[in-house]
Protein backbone atom coordinates (compact mmCIF):
# COMPACT_ATOMS: atom_id res chain seq x y z
CA PHE A 1 -2.16 8.65 -7.54
CA HIS A 2 -0.55 8.88 -4.15
CA MET A 3 0.65 12.14 -3.69
CA ALA A 4 -3.03 13.50 -5.00
CA ILE A 5 -4.47 11.38 -2.00
CA ALA A 6 -2.09 12.82 0.29
CA TYR A 7 -3.19 16.68 -0.66
CA ALA A 8 -6.95 15.14 -0.66
CA THR A 9 -6.58 14.61 3.48
CA LYS A 10 -5.28 18.14 3.79
CA ASN A 11 -3.41 16.95 6.25
CA PRO A 12 -0.35 18.96 6.75
CA LEU A 13 1.52 16.07 8.60
CA HIS A 14 0.48 13.73 5.95
CA ILE A 15 1.77 15.80 3.15
CA GLN A 16 5.22 16.45 4.44
CA VAL A 17 5.27 12.89 5.33
CA MET A 18 4.80 11.80 1.28
CA LYS A 19 6.82 14.81 -0.39
CA THR A 20 9.48 13.55 2.33
CA PHE A 21 9.52 10.21 1.23
CA TYR A 22 8.04 10.59 -2.28
CA ASP A 23 11.40 9.83 -4.22
CA TYR A 24 11.95 6.21 -2.27
CA LEU A 25 8.27 5.68 -2.14
CA SER A 26 7.77 5.98 -6.21
CA HIS A 27 10.55 3.85 -6.70
CA GLY A 28 9.08 1.41 -4.56
CA ILE A 29 5.80 1.70 -6.37
CA MET A 30 7.27 1.82 -9.61
CA GLU A 31 8.83 -1.56 -8.97
CA SER A 32 5.99 -2.95 -7.66
CA LEU A 33 3.93 -2.48 -10.39
CA ARG A 34 6.27 -4.24 -13.29
CA PHE A 35 5.87 -7.15 -11.10
CA LEU A 36 1.78 -7.06 -10.52
CA TYR A 37 1.48 -5.89 -14.46
CA GLU A 38 2.95 -8.86 -15.70
CA ASP A 39 -0.29 -10.12 -15.50
CA ARG A 40 -2.50 -7.99 -17.10
CA ASP A 41 -5.69 -8.67 -15.56
CA ASN A 42 -3.92 -6.88 -12.69
CA ILE A 43 -4.28 -3.79 -14.46
CA THR A 44 -7.56 -3.69 -15.06
CA LEU A 45 -7.99 -4.71 -10.65
CA ILE A 46 -5.81 -1.85 -9.86
CA PHE A 47 -6.81 0.74 -11.71
CA ASN A 48 -10.81 -0.51 -10.42
CA GLN A 49 -9.17 -0.73 -7.16
CA HIS A 50 -7.48 2.98 -7.21
CA LYS A 51 -10.67 4.60 -8.96
CA THR A 52 -13.12 3.17 -5.98
CA LEU A 53 -10.61 4.47 -3.61
CA MET A 54 -11.25 7.92 -5.69
CA LYS A 55 -14.94 7.77 -5.50
CA ASP A 56 -14.98 7.66 -2.41
CA ILE A 57 -12.66 10.10 -1.24
CA MET A 58 -14.75 12.72 -3.92
CA ASP A 59 -18.18 11.41 -1.82
CA ARG A 60 -16.45 12.60 1.16
CA ASP A 61 -17.09 9.28 2.77
CA PRO A 62 -14.18 8.15 5.05
CA GLU A 63 -15.22 5.20 6.35
CA GLN A 64 -15.76 3.48 2.47
CA ALA A 65 -12.50 5.09 1.31
CA TYR A 66 -10.59 3.24 4.26
CA LYS A 67 -12.35 0.07 3.11
CA SER A 68 -11.55 0.63 0.01
CA MET A 69 -7.71 1.15 0.78
CA GLN A 70 -7.24 -1.53 3.15
CA HIS A 71 -8.97 -3.70 0.50
CA HIS A 72 -6.20 -2.22 -2.11
CA ILE A 73 -3.40 -3.08 0.32
CA GLU A 74 -4.79 -6.51 1.23
CA TYR A 75 -4.35 -7.19 -2.50
CA VAL A 76 -1.16 -6.16 -3.15
CA LYS A 77 0.11 -7.98 0.13
CA MET A 78 -1.92 -11.17 -0.75
CA PHE A 79 -0.19 -10.90 -4.81
CA TYR A 80 3.18 -10.78 -3.38
CA LYS A 81 2.72 -13.61 -0.47
CA LYS A 82 1.51 -16.15 -3.40
CA ARG A 83 4.44 -14.55 -5.79
CA ASN A 84 7.17 -15.30 -3.29
CA LYS A 85 6.01 -18.89 -2.37
């Protein structure tokens, strides 16, 4: 999903950065998902966030895609802040 978004940007620099760091990023993402998905409700939430972001990209709405991405990032950050307390 994350690589698909990089390719959707058609930004050669973004694509190259993602290719270069993909192994590191994918490992971190998998570790994060392991904790996020301990609560089955998070599976649906994350899926819906990804689905919304993909729709925004397909609609070619960069402002809404940015907002959706920010929402997703904030959700994940808040999850880990709460988890680490």
